Amino acid sequence: MTDAPQDPTTAIRTAIQQLADITDPTTRALALGTLLDAWPDLHSEVRQARQEAVAEMRETMTVTAIGEALGIGQPRASQILRGVTKNKK
């Protein structure tokens, strides 16, 4: 089991910065484009991993307790368990 860093976005931001630091603008644009093309799939992978973690929590916790542990409401915890995504407006 691997524990997440304090802020899990730090590793992502570091990787993005490494791409942004590529000296050649063509190489940099291609690398960043590749990342952007993969972004929807990466987002889905992160969502799936979170759903699996919440399902694992559900083995020993109520949905209400999961919501409390994650700082979200019970309805949202239930949605995550079912794989429902939030709609952004």
PDB file of N, CA and C in Angstrom:
ATOM      1  N   MET A   1       0.840  -1.181   0.000  1.00  0.00           N
ATOM      2  CA  MET A   1       0.000   0.000   0.000  1.00  0.00           C
ATOM      3  C   MET A   1       0.881   1.238   0.000  1.00  0.00           C
ATOM      4  N   THR A   2       0.552   2.176  -0.860  1.00  0.00           N
ATOM      5  CA  THR A   2       1.303   3.412  -0.963  1.00  0.00           C
ATOM      6  C   THR A   2       0.484   4.542  -0.385  1.00  0.00           C
ATOM      7  N   ASP A   3       1.095   5.297   0.513  1.00  0.00           N
ATOM      8  CA  ASP A   3       0.403   6.453   1.069  1.00  0.00           C
ATOM      9  C   ASP A   3       0.580   7.636   0.130  1.00  0.00           C
ATOM     10  N   ALA A   4      -0.481   8.407  -0.049  1.00  0.00           N
ATOM     11  CA  ALA A   4      -0.446   9.580  -0.923  1.00  0.00           C
ATOM     12  C   ALA A   4       0.362  10.688  -0.259  1.00  0.00           C
ATOM     13  N   PRO A   5       0.994  11.534  -1.058  1.00  0.00           N
ATOM     14  CA  PRO A   5       1.671  12.696  -0.487  1.00  0.00           C
ATOM     15  C   PRO A   5       0.641  13.631   0.134  1.00  0.00           C
ATOM     16  N   GLN A   6       1.101  14.581   0.937  1.00  0.00           N
ATOM     17  CA  GLN A   6       0.191  15.531   1.580  1.00  0.00           C
ATOM     18  C   GLN A   6      -0.773  16.141   0.565  1.00  0.00           C
ATOM     19  N   ASP A   7      -0.248  16.625  -0.547  1.00  0.00           N
ATOM     20  CA  ASP A   7      -1.077  17.192  -1.597  1.00  0.00           C
ATOM     21  C   ASP A   7      -0.807  16.389  -2.864  1.00  0.00           C
ATOM     22  N   PRO A   8      -1.739  15.514  -3.232  1.00  0.00           N
ATOM     23  CA  PRO A   8      -1.493  14.641  -4.373  1.00  0.00           C
ATOM     24  C   PRO A   8      -1.351  15.385  -5.693  1.00  0.00           C
ATOM     25  N   THR A   9      -1.753  16.648  -5.741  1.00  0.00           N
ATOM     26  CA  THR A   9      -1.599  17.399  -6.988  1.00  0.00           C
ATOM     27  C   THR A   9      -0.162  17.844  -7.211  1.00  0.00           C
ATOM     28  N   THR A  10       0.664  17.778  -6.177  1.00  0.00           N
ATOM     29  CA  THR A  10       2.056  18.221  -6.305  1.00  0.00           C
ATOM     30  C   THR A  10       2.801  17.423  -7.374  1.00  0.00           C
ATOM     31  N   ALA A  11       2.657  16.114  -7.369  1.00  0.00           N
ATOM     32  CA  ALA A  11       3.343  15.278  -8.355  1.00  0.00           C
ATOM     33  C   ALA A  11       2.861  15.594  -9.764  1.00  0.00           C
ATOM     34  N   ILE A  12       1.567  15.836  -9.918  1.00  0.00           N
ATOM     35  CA  ILE A  12       1.004  16.170 -11.223  1.00  0.00           C
ATOM     36  C   ILE A  12       1.546  17.511 -11.693  1.00  0.00           C
ATOM     37  N   ARG A  13       1.534  18.491 -10.809  1.00  0.00           N
ATOM     38  CA  ARG A  13       2.037  19.823 -11.169  1.00  0.00           C
ATOM     39  C   ARG A  13       3.531  19.777 -11.513  1.00  0.00           C
ATOM     40  N   THR A  14       4.268  18.945 -10.826  1.00  0.00           N
ATOM     41  CA  THR A  14       5.696  18.793 -11.120  1.00  0.00           C
ATOM     42  C   THR A  14       5.891  18.223 -12.523  1.00  0.00           C
ATOM     43  N   ALA A  15       5.098  17.214 -12.870  1.00  0.00           N
ATOM     44  CA  ALA A  15       5.198  16.621 -14.208  1.00  0.00           C
ATOM     45  C   ALA A  15       4.823  17.641 -15.280  1.00  0.00           C
ATOM     46  N   ILE A  16       3.785  18.428 -15.038  1.00  0.00           N
ATOM     47  CA  ILE A  16       3.383  19.455 -15.999  1.00  0.00           C
ATOM     48  C   ILE A  16       4.490  20.488 -16.151  1.00  0.00           C
ATOM     49  N   GLN A  17       5.091  20.877 -15.045  1.00  0.00           N
ATOM     50  CA  GLN A  17       6.174  21.860 -15.103  1.00  0.00           C
ATOM     51  C   GLN A  17       7.364  21.317 -15.883  1.00  0.00           C
ATOM     52  N   GLN A  18       7.652  20.031 -15.723  1.00  0.00           N
ATOM     53  CA  GLN A  18       8.745  19.423 -16.488  1.00  0.00           C
ATOM     54  C   GLN A  18       8.463  19.517 -17.979  1.00  0.00           C
ATOM     55  N   LEU A  19       7.226  19.313 -18.380  1.00  0.00           N
ATOM     56  CA  LEU A  19       6.864  19.454 -19.788  1.00  0.00           C
ATOM     57  C   LEU A  19       6.961  20.913 -20.221  1.00  0.00           C
ATOM     58  N   ALA A  20       6.498  21.820 -19.381  1.00  0.00           N
ATOM     59  CA  ALA A  20       6.553  23.241 -19.697  1.00  0.00           C
ATOM     60  C   ALA A  20       7.987  23.759 -19.787  1.00  0.00           C
ATOM     61  N   ASP A  21       8.907  23.072 -19.135  1.00  0.00           N
ATOM     62  CA  ASP A  21      10.317  23.476 -19.132  1.00  0.00           C
ATOM     63  C   ASP A  21      11.097  22.958 -20.336  1.00  0.00           C
ATOM     64  N   ILE A  22      10.464  22.161 -21.184  1.00  0.00           N
ATOM     65  CA  ILE A  22      11.155  21.666 -22.378  1.00  0.00           C
ATOM     66  C   ILE A  22      11.553  22.878 -23.214  1.00  0.00           C
ATOM     67  N   THR A  23      12.809  22.957 -23.557  1.00  0.00           N
ATOM     68  CA  THR A  23      13.356  24.134 -24.230  1.00  0.00           C
ATOM     69  C   THR A  23      12.794  24.337 -25.629  1.00  0.00           C
ATOM     70  N   ASP A  24      12.789  23.296 -26.424  1.00  0.00           N
ATOM     71  CA  ASP A  24      12.319  23.420 -27.799  1.00  0.00           C
ATOM     72  C   ASP A  24      10.796  23.578 -27.814  1.00  0.00           C
ATOM     73  N   PRO A  25      10.282  24.681 -28.384  1.00  0.00           N
ATOM     74  CA  PRO A  25       8.839  24.910 -28.343  1.00  0.00           C
ATOM     75  C   PRO A  25       8.024  23.865 -29.112  1.00  0.00           C
ATOM     76  N   THR A  26       8.567  23.325 -30.176  1.00  0.00           N
ATOM     77  CA  THR A  26       7.844  22.296 -30.920  1.00  0.00           C
ATOM     78  C   THR A  26       7.723  21.031 -30.088  1.00  0.00           C
ATOM     79  N   THR A  27       8.820  20.616 -29.502  1.00  0.00           N
ATOM     80  CA  THR A  27       8.817  19.431 -28.643  1.00  0.00           C
ATOM     81  C   THR A  27       7.903  19.648 -27.441  1.00  0.00           C
ATOM     82  N   ARG A  28       7.971  20.870 -26.871  1.00  0.00           N
ATOM     83  CA  ARG A  28       7.137  21.206 -25.709  1.00  0.00           C
ATOM     84  C   ARG A  28       5.656  21.154 -26.089  1.00  0.00           C
ATOM     85  N   ALA A  29       5.297  21.762 -27.221  1.00  0.00           N
ATOM     86  CA  ALA A  29       3.900  21.776 -27.658  1.00  0.00           C
ATOM     87  C   ALA A  29       3.400  20.363 -27.935  1.00  0.00           C
ATOM     88  N   LEU A  30       4.233  19.536 -28.561  1.00  0.00           N
ATOM     89  CA  LEU A  30       3.842  18.153 -28.835  1.00  0.00           C
ATOM     90  C   LEU A  30       3.631  17.376 -27.532  1.00  0.00           C
ATOM     91  N   ALA A  31       4.537  17.551 -26.585  1.00  0.00           N
ATOM     92  CA  ALA A  31       4.436  16.837 -25.304  1.00  0.00           C
ATOM     93  C   ALA A  31       3.184  17.268 -24.542  1.00  0.00           C
ATOM     94  N   LEU A  32       2.940  18.561 -24.499  1.00  0.00           N
ATOM     95  CA  LEU A  32       1.756  19.050 -23.799  1.00  0.00           C
ATOM     96  C   LEU A  32       0.478  18.643 -24.527  1.00  0.00           C
ATOM     97  N   GLY A  33       0.520  18.603 -25.845  1.00  0.00           N
ATOM     98  CA  GLY A  33      -0.624  18.140 -26.620  1.00  0.00           C
ATOM     99  C   GLY A  33      -0.937  16.680 -26.340  1.00  0.00           C
ATOM    100  N   THR A  34       0.104  15.874 -26.218  1.00  0.00           N
ATOM    101  CA  THR A  34      -0.082  14.469 -25.888  1.00  0.00           C
ATOM    102  C   THR A  34      -0.764  14.332 -24.532  1.00  0.00           C
ATOM    103  N   LEU A  35      -0.331  15.137 -23.571  1.00  0.00           N
ATOM    104  CA  LEU A  35      -0.956  15.119 -22.255  1.00  0.00           C
ATOM    105  C   LEU A  35      -2.431  15.533 -22.344  1.00  0.00           C
ATOM    106  N   LEU A  36      -2.693  16.611 -23.070  1.00  0.00           N
ATOM    107  CA  LEU A  36      -4.079  17.070 -23.208  1.00  0.00           C
ATOM    108  C   LEU A  36      -4.949  16.030 -23.897  1.00  0.00           C
ATOM    109  N   ASP A  37      -4.410  15.348 -24.902  1.00  0.00           N
ATOM    110  CA  ASP A  37      -5.169  14.298 -25.586  1.00  0.00           C
ATOM    111  C   ASP A  37      -5.523  13.151 -24.635  1.00  0.00           C
ATOM    112  N   ALA A  38      -4.622  12.862 -23.708  1.00  0.00           N
ATOM    113  CA  ALA A  38      -4.830  11.755 -22.775  1.00  0.00           C
ATOM    114  C   ALA A  38      -5.656  12.161 -21.560  1.00  0.00           C
ATOM    115  N   TRP A  39      -5.878  13.463 -21.380  1.00  0.00           N
ATOM    116  CA  TRP A  39      -6.513  13.971 -20.164  1.00  0.00           C
ATOM    117  C   TRP A  39      -7.853  13.317 -19.847  1.00  0.00           C
ATOM    118  N   PRO A  40      -8.771  13.166 -20.813  1.00  0.00           N
ATOM    119  CA  PRO A  40     -10.056  12.531 -20.465  1.00  0.00           C
ATOM    120  C   PRO A  40      -9.879  11.112 -19.922  1.00  0.00           C
ATOM    121  N   ASP A  41      -8.995  10.333 -20.519  1.00  0.00           N
ATOM    122  CA  ASP A  41      -8.757   8.975 -20.023  1.00  0.00           C
ATOM    123  C   ASP A  41      -8.107   8.997 -18.643  1.00  0.00           C
ATOM    124  N   LEU A  42      -7.182   9.925 -18.439  1.00  0.00           N
ATOM    125  CA  LEU A  42      -6.532  10.038 -17.126  1.00  0.00           C
ATOM    126  C   LEU A  42      -7.560  10.418 -16.061  1.00  0.00           C
ATOM    127  N   HIS A  43      -8.429  11.332 -16.405  1.00  0.00           N
ATOM    128  CA  HIS A  43      -9.488  11.742 -15.475  1.00  0.00           C
ATOM    129  C   HIS A  43     -10.363  10.544 -15.110  1.00  0.00           C
ATOM    130  N   SER A  44     -10.709   9.745 -16.100  1.00  0.00           N
ATOM    131  CA  SER A  44     -11.522   8.547 -15.855  1.00  0.00           C
ATOM    132  C   SER A  44     -10.797   7.558 -14.951  1.00  0.00           C
ATOM    133  N   GLU A  45      -9.484   7.408 -15.156  1.00  0.00           N
ATOM    134  CA  GLU A  45      -8.700   6.495 -14.317  1.00  0.00           C
ATOM    135  C   GLU A  45      -8.681   6.956 -12.871  1.00  0.00           C
ATOM    136  N   VAL A  46      -8.526   8.259 -12.658  1.00  0.00           N
ATOM    137  CA  VAL A  46      -8.526   8.795 -11.292  1.00  0.00           C
ATOM    138  C   VAL A  46      -9.893   8.598 -10.660  1.00  0.00           C
ATOM    139  N   ARG A  47     -10.966   8.886 -11.414  1.00  0.00           N
ATOM    140  CA  ARG A  47     -12.323   8.706 -10.899  1.00  0.00           C
ATOM    141  C   ARG A  47     -12.566   7.244 -10.520  1.00  0.00           C
ATOM    142  N   GLN A  48     -12.125   6.318 -11.371  1.00  0.00           N
ATOM    143  CA  GLN A  48     -12.312   4.886 -11.109  1.00  0.00           C
ATOM    144  C   GLN A  48     -11.546   4.465  -9.852  1.00  0.00           C
ATOM    145  N   ALA A  49     -10.316   4.958  -9.712  1.00  0.00           N
ATOM    146  CA  ALA A  49      -9.512   4.613  -8.534  1.00  0.00           C
ATOM    147  C   ALA A  49     -10.176   5.131  -7.258  1.00  0.00           C
ATOM    148  N   ARG A  50     -10.772   6.344  -7.340  1.00  0.00           N
ATOM    149  CA  ARG A  50     -11.477   6.876  -6.168  1.00  0.00           C
ATOM    150  C   ARG A  50     -12.704   6.029  -5.862  1.00  0.00           C
ATOM    151  N   GLN A  51     -13.443   5.643  -6.881  1.00  0.00           N
ATOM    152  CA  GLN A  51     -14.626   4.812  -6.670  1.00  0.00           C
ATOM    153  C   GLN A  51     -14.244   3.495  -6.012  1.00  0.00           C
ATOM    154  N   GLU A  52     -13.139   2.904  -6.446  1.00  0.00           N
ATOM    155  CA  GLU A  52     -12.669   1.651  -5.849  1.00  0.00           C
ATOM    156  C   GLU A  52     -12.286   1.860  -4.381  1.00  0.00           C
ATOM    157  N   ALA A  53     -11.650   2.997  -4.078  1.00  0.00           N
ATOM    158  CA  ALA A  53     -11.267   3.284  -2.692  1.00  0.00           C
ATOM    159  C   ALA A  53     -12.507   3.440  -1.818  1.00  0.00           C
ATOM    160  N   VAL A  54     -13.513   4.142  -2.341  1.00  0.00           N
ATOM    161  CA  VAL A  54     -14.741   4.337  -1.580  1.00  0.00           C
ATOM    162  C   VAL A  54     -15.476   3.003  -1.411  1.00  0.00           C
ATOM    163  N   ALA A  55     -15.454   2.169  -2.431  1.00  0.00           N
ATOM    164  CA  ALA A  55     -16.074   0.841  -2.309  1.00  0.00           C
ATOM    165  C   ALA A  55     -15.356   0.011  -1.239  1.00  0.00           C
ATOM    166  N   GLU A  56     -14.045   0.159  -1.180  1.00  0.00           N
ATOM    167  CA  GLU A  56     -13.280  -0.547  -0.139  1.00  0.00           C
ATOM    168  C   GLU A  56     -13.657  -0.012   1.244  1.00  0.00           C
ATOM    169  N   MET A  57     -13.824   1.303   1.357  1.00  0.00           N
ATOM    170  CA  MET A  57     -14.243   1.891   2.626  1.00  0.00           C
ATOM    171  C   MET A  57     -15.605   1.346   3.038  1.00  0.00           C
ATOM    172  N   ARG A  58     -16.482   1.129   2.047  1.00  0.00           N
ATOM    173  CA  ARG A  58     -17.857   0.683   2.309  1.00  0.00           C
ATOM    174  C   ARG A  58     -17.906  -0.703   2.934  1.00  0.00           C
ATOM    175  N   GLU A  59     -16.832  -1.457   2.776  1.00  0.00           N
ATOM    176  CA  GLU A  59     -16.787  -2.785   3.390  1.00  0.00           C
ATOM    177  C   GLU A  59     -16.847  -2.718   4.910  1.00  0.00           C
ATOM    178  N   THR A  60     -16.413  -1.594   5.477  1.00  0.00           N
ATOM    179  CA  THR A  60     -16.382  -1.472   6.935  1.00  0.00           C
ATOM    180  C   THR A  60     -17.055  -0.213   7.472  1.00  0.00           C
ATOM    181  N   MET A  61     -17.591   0.626   6.572  1.00  0.00           N
ATOM    182  CA  MET A  61     -18.170   1.897   7.014  1.00  0.00           C
ATOM    183  C   MET A  61     -19.536   2.106   6.373  1.00  0.00           C
ATOM    184  N   THR A  62     -20.346   2.910   7.025  1.00  0.00           N
ATOM    185  CA  THR A  62     -21.608   3.318   6.419  1.00  0.00           C
ATOM    186  C   THR A  62     -21.313   4.408   5.392  1.00  0.00           C
ATOM    187  N   VAL A  63     -22.282   4.640   4.509  1.00  0.00           N
ATOM    188  CA  VAL A  63     -22.104   5.698   3.518  1.00  0.00           C
ATOM    189  C   VAL A  63     -22.021   7.059   4.216  1.00  0.00           C
ATOM    190  N   THR A  64     -22.781   7.228   5.268  1.00  0.00           N
ATOM    191  CA  THR A  64     -22.712   8.480   6.033  1.00  0.00           C
ATOM    192  C   THR A  64     -21.322   8.685   6.624  1.00  0.00           C
ATOM    193  N   ALA A  65     -20.754   7.625   7.185  1.00  0.00           N
ATOM    194  CA  ALA A  65     -19.401   7.719   7.760  1.00  0.00           C
ATOM    195  C   ALA A  65     -18.364   7.998   6.671  1.00  0.00           C
ATOM    196  N   ILE A  66     -18.553   7.416   5.507  1.00  0.00           N
ATOM    197  CA  ILE A  66     -17.639   7.674   4.389  1.00  0.00           C
ATOM    198  C   ILE A  66     -17.704   9.152   4.013  1.00  0.00           C
ATOM    199  N   GLY A  67     -18.921   9.673   3.899  1.00  0.00           N
ATOM    200  CA  GLY A  67     -19.087  11.088   3.592  1.00  0.00           C
ATOM    201  C   GLY A  67     -18.379  11.969   4.608  1.00  0.00           C
ATOM    202  N   GLU A  68     -18.551  11.644   5.877  1.00  0.00           N
ATOM    203  CA  GLU A  68     -17.891  12.416   6.933  1.00  0.00           C
ATOM    204  C   GLU A  68     -16.376  12.325   6.814  1.00  0.00           C
ATOM    205  N   ALA A  69     -15.865  11.117   6.547  1.00  0.00           N
ATOM    206  CA  ALA A  69     -14.418  10.925   6.438  1.00  0.00           C
ATOM    207  C   ALA A  69     -13.826  11.689   5.256  1.00  0.00           C
ATOM    208  N   LEU A  70     -14.615  11.828   4.188  1.00  0.00           N
ATOM    209  CA  LEU A  70     -14.128  12.491   2.975  1.00  0.00           C
ATOM    210  C   LEU A  70     -14.496  13.966   2.911  1.00  0.00           C
ATOM    211  N   GLY A  71     -15.255  14.422   3.901  1.00  0.00           N
ATOM    212  CA  GLY A  71     -15.654  15.825   3.911  1.00  0.00           C
ATOM    213  C   GLY A  71     -16.701  16.152   2.858  1.00  0.00           C
ATOM    214  N   ILE A  72     -17.536  15.167   2.545  1.00  0.00           N
ATOM    215  CA  ILE A  72     -18.617  15.346   1.580  1.00  0.00           C
ATOM    216  C   ILE A  72     -19.899  14.830   2.217  1.00  0.00           C
ATOM    217  N   GLY A  73     -21.013  15.140   1.613  1.00  0.00           N
ATOM    218  CA  GLY A  73     -22.281  14.666   2.143  1.00  0.00           C
ATOM    219  C   GLY A  73     -22.517  13.201   1.803  1.00  0.00           C
ATOM    220  N   GLN A  74     -23.449  12.609   2.528  1.00  0.00           N
ATOM    221  CA  GLN A  74     -23.820  11.220   2.274  1.00  0.00           C
ATOM    222  C   GLN A  74     -24.315  11.016   0.847  1.00  0.00           C
ATOM    223  N   PRO A  75     -25.115  11.956   0.302  1.00  0.00           N
ATOM    224  CA  PRO A  75     -25.573  11.749  -1.073  1.00  0.00           C
ATOM    225  C   PRO A  75     -24.413  11.676  -2.082  1.00  0.00           C
ATOM    226  N   ARG A  76     -23.415  12.541  -1.897  1.00  0.00           N
ATOM    227  CA  ARG A  76     -22.273  12.527  -2.823  1.00  0.00           C
ATOM    228  C   ARG A  76     -21.468  11.241  -2.648  1.00  0.00           C
ATOM    229  N   ALA A  77     -21.282  10.786  -1.423  1.00  0.00           N
ATOM    230  CA  ALA A  77     -20.562   9.533  -1.185  1.00  0.00           C
ATOM    231  C   ALA A  77     -21.285   8.380  -1.882  1.00  0.00           C
ATOM    232  N   SER A  78     -22.603   8.389  -1.809  1.00  0.00           N
ATOM    233  CA  SER A  78     -23.392   7.362  -2.472  1.00  0.00           C
ATOM    234  C   SER A  78     -23.219   7.439  -3.991  1.00  0.00           C
ATOM    235  N   GLN A  79     -23.199   8.659  -4.525  1.00  0.00           N
ATOM    236  CA  GLN A  79     -22.992   8.833  -5.968  1.00  0.00           C
ATOM    237  C   GLN A  79     -21.634   8.288  -6.399  1.00  0.00           C
ATOM    238  N   ILE A  80     -20.604   8.568  -5.632  1.00  0.00           N
ATOM    239  CA  ILE A  80     -19.266   8.077  -5.968  1.00  0.00           C
ATOM    240  C   ILE A  80     -19.269   6.553  -5.987  1.00  0.00           C
ATOM    241  N   LEU A  81     -19.906   5.952  -5.000  1.00  0.00           N
ATOM    242  CA  LEU A  81     -20.007   4.491  -4.962  1.00  0.00           C
ATOM    243  C   LEU A  81     -20.672   3.937  -6.220  1.00  0.00           C
ATOM    244  N   ARG A  82     -21.663   4.653  -6.724  1.00  0.00           N
ATOM    245  CA  ARG A  82     -22.389   4.190  -7.904  1.00  0.00           C
ATOM    246  C   ARG A  82     -21.727   4.633  -9.205  1.00  0.00           C
ATOM    247  N   GLY A  83     -20.683   5.435  -9.116  1.00  0.00           N
ATOM    248  CA  GLY A  83     -19.993   5.892 -10.319  1.00  0.00           C
ATOM    249  C   GLY A  83     -20.638   7.072 -10.996  1.00  0.00           C
ATOM    250  N   VAL A  84     -21.477   7.800 -10.255  1.00  0.00           N
ATOM    251  CA  VAL A  84     -22.126   8.985 -10.803  1.00  0.00           C
ATOM    252  C   VAL A  84     -21.148  10.142 -10.742  1.00  0.00           C
ATOM    253  N   THR A  85     -21.019  10.859 -11.856  1.00  0.00           N
ATOM    254  CA  THR A  85     -20.107  12.009 -11.885  1.00  0.00           C
ATOM    255  C   THR A  85     -20.873  13.282 -11.605  1.00  0.00           C
ATOM    256  N   LYS A  86     -20.151  14.258 -11.076  1.00  0.00           N
ATOM    257  CA  LYS A  86     -20.746  15.572 -10.820  1.00  0.00           C
ATOM    258  C   LYS A  86     -20.881  16.304 -12.144  1.00  0.00           C
ATOM    259  N   ASN A  87     -21.976  16.970 -12.328  1.00  0.00           N
ATOM    260  CA  ASN A  87     -22.150  17.804 -13.516  1.00  0.00           C
ATOM    261  C   ASN A  87     -21.622  19.189 -13.213  1.00  0.00           C
ATOM    262  N   LYS A  88     -20.764  19.688 -14.097  1.00  0.00           N
ATOM    263  CA  LYS A  88     -20.269  21.057 -13.947  1.00  0.00           C
ATOM    264  C   LYS A  88     -21.081  21.953 -14.851  1.00  0.00           C
ATOM    265  N   LYS A  89     -21.457  23.088 -14.311  1.00  0.00           N
ATOM    266  CA  LYS A  89     -22.271  24.020 -15.087  1.00  0.00           C
ATOM    267  C   LYS A  89     -21.468  25.226 -15.463  1.00  0.00           C
TER     268      LYS A  89
END
